């Protein structure tokens, strides 16, 4: 089976979708201005989707309190230093330095403006073709 999407309950899906489009290069495949304001965002490969929405029947998880190592959304970066700086300038918060892994991968954590942990990964060798 193939994963279609991963869903997240967030406080402001419309603003979050806009930020992800502008700063992470995602595209809105489907969006709604009516409750639950669901937005399906595709990465630049067009092969993976995340859904963000707000359902007022449920609490919004406090993503800022979840350790980044426990839960994060990872993005491939061709220039991790440049992307990290650019995202911080756009309102992301740094969550530690860029680290070099034993296999040569460069990784770092940030928090988007809503507290969700993002990981930037510059792989020494691609994981997927």
Protein backbone atom coordinates (compact mmCIF):
# COMPACT_ATOMS: atom_id res chain seq x y z
CA UNK A 1 0.00 0.00 0.00
CA UNK A 2 1.06 3.58 -0.57
CA UNK A 3 0.66 6.35 1.97
CA UNK A 4 -1.67 9.03 0.64
CA UNK A 5 -1.50 11.58 3.46
CA UNK A 6 -0.73 12.26 7.07
CA UNK A 7 -3.24 14.45 8.95
CA UNK A 8 -2.71 17.04 11.68
CA UNK A 9 -5.25 18.95 13.77
CA UNK A 10 -3.93 22.53 13.88
CA UNK A 11 -5.19 25.88 15.20
CA UNK A 12 -5.09 27.83 11.92
CA UNK A 13 -4.94 25.60 8.84
CA UNK A 14 -5.45 28.46 6.37
CA UNK A 15 -2.49 30.50 7.65
CA UNK A 16 -0.38 27.39 8.12
CA UNK A 17 -1.10 26.23 4.55
CA UNK A 18 -0.08 29.65 3.24
CA UNK A 19 3.21 29.54 5.21
CA UNK A 20 4.00 26.02 4.00
CA UNK A 21 3.34 27.04 0.39
CA UNK A 22 5.45 30.20 0.56
CA UNK A 23 8.34 28.91 2.67
CA UNK A 24 8.47 25.13 2.13
CA UNK A 25 7.45 24.97 -1.52
CA UNK A 26 4.35 22.89 -0.93
CA UNK A 27 1.27 23.19 -3.11
CA UNK A 28 -2.37 23.13 -2.09
CA UNK A 29 -4.04 20.20 -3.80
CA UNK A 30 -7.35 20.83 -2.08
CA UNK A 31 -8.33 23.54 0.37
CA UNK A 32 -11.50 24.73 2.07
CA UNK A 33 -12.55 28.03 3.63
CA UNK A 34 -15.33 26.23 5.53
CA UNK A 35 -15.01 24.17 8.71
CA UNK A 36 -12.99 22.08 9.23
CA UNK A 37 -10.82 24.18 6.83
CA UNK A 38 -9.03 21.07 5.54
CA UNK A 39 -6.05 21.68 3.32
CA UNK A 40 -4.17 18.91 1.53
CA UNK A 41 -0.59 20.01 0.83
CA UNK A 42 1.73 18.19 -1.57
CA UNK A 43 5.48 18.21 -1.41
CA UNK A 44 7.39 19.16 -4.55
CA UNK A 45 7.56 15.52 -5.68
CA UNK A 46 3.76 15.40 -5.83
CA UNK A 47 3.93 12.00 -4.16
CA UNK A 48 3.27 12.82 -0.51
CA UNK A 49 0.47 14.82 1.12
CA UNK A 50 -0.15 16.23 4.54
CA UNK A 51 -3.63 17.28 5.60
CA UNK A 52 -4.05 20.11 8.05
CA UNK A 53 -7.46 20.97 9.48
CA UNK A 54 -9.23 22.38 12.52
CA UNK A 55 -12.14 20.47 14.05
CA UNK A 56 -13.58 22.41 16.99
CA UNK A 57 -14.87 19.19 18.57
CA UNK A 58 -11.30 18.25 19.50
CA UNK A 59 -8.36 19.93 21.19
CA UNK A 60 -5.46 21.12 19.13
CA UNK A 61 -2.39 19.18 20.28
CA UNK A 62 0.30 21.34 21.86
CA UNK A 63 2.98 20.49 19.31
CA UNK A 64 5.42 22.94 20.88
CA UNK A 65 5.58 20.71 23.97
CA UNK A 66 6.32 17.53 22.01
CA UNK A 67 10.06 16.87 21.77
CA UNK A 68 11.21 17.12 18.15
CA UNK A 69 12.80 13.68 18.43
CA UNK A 70 9.36 12.23 19.27
CA UNK A 71 7.48 13.78 16.36
CA UNK A 72 8.57 15.90 13.42
CA UNK A 73 7.90 16.52 9.75
CA UNK A 74 11.12 16.13 7.76
CA UNK A 75 12.03 17.99 4.57
CA UNK A 76 14.93 17.26 2.23
CA UNK A 77 17.26 20.23 1.81
CA UNK A 78 19.93 20.76 -0.81
CA UNK A 79 21.49 23.55 1.27
CA UNK A 80 20.63 23.09 4.93
CA UNK A 81 22.40 26.24 6.18
CA UNK A 82 20.63 28.46 3.67
CA UNK A 83 17.22 26.81 4.21
CA UNK A 84 17.56 26.96 7.99
CA UNK A 85 18.38 30.68 7.92
CA UNK A 86 15.61 31.43 5.42
CA UNK A 87 12.98 29.63 7.51
CA UNK A 88 14.11 31.34 10.72
CA UNK A 89 13.78 34.68 8.93
CA UNK A 90 10.24 33.60 7.93
CA UNK A 91 9.18 32.95 11.54
CA UNK A 92 10.43 29.43 12.31
CA UNK A 93 12.22 28.99 15.62
CA UNK A 94 15.53 27.21 15.85
CA UNK A 95 15.55 24.04 17.87
CA UNK A 96 19.28 23.49 18.07
CA UNK A 97 22.23 23.57 15.66
CA UNK A 98 22.88 21.70 12.43
CA UNK A 99 24.34 18.31 13.30
CA UNK A 100 26.43 15.95 11.21
CA UNK A 101 25.39 12.33 11.60
CA UNK A 102 27.95 9.46 11.51
CA UNK A 103 26.86 8.60 7.94
CA UNK A 104 27.49 12.20 6.77
CA UNK A 105 23.87 13.40 6.77
CA UNK A 106 23.29 16.96 7.98
CA UNK A 107 20.16 17.44 10.12
CA UNK A 108 18.56 20.16 12.17
CA UNK A 109 15.28 20.84 13.92
CA UNK A 110 13.14 23.96 13.72
CA UNK A 111 9.62 24.80 14.89
CA UNK A 112 7.13 26.29 12.46
CA UNK A 113 5.28 29.39 13.71
CA UNK A 114 2.60 27.09 15.26
CA UNK A 115 5.10 24.97 17.19
CA UNK A 116 5.21 21.90 14.94
CA UNK A 117 8.69 20.38 14.79
CA UNK A 118 10.30 20.42 11.37
CA UNK A 119 13.48 18.63 10.49
CA UNK A 120 15.71 19.64 7.62
CA UNK A 121 17.81 16.82 6.20
CA UNK A 122 20.66 17.09 3.75
CA UNK A 123 21.45 13.46 2.95
CA UNK A 124 24.90 12.20 2.07
CA UNK A 125 23.06 9.52 0.07
CA UNK A 126 19.38 9.72 -0.90
CA UNK A 127 17.02 7.39 0.93
CA UNK A 128 14.53 7.17 -1.93
CA UNK A 129 15.12 7.32 -5.67
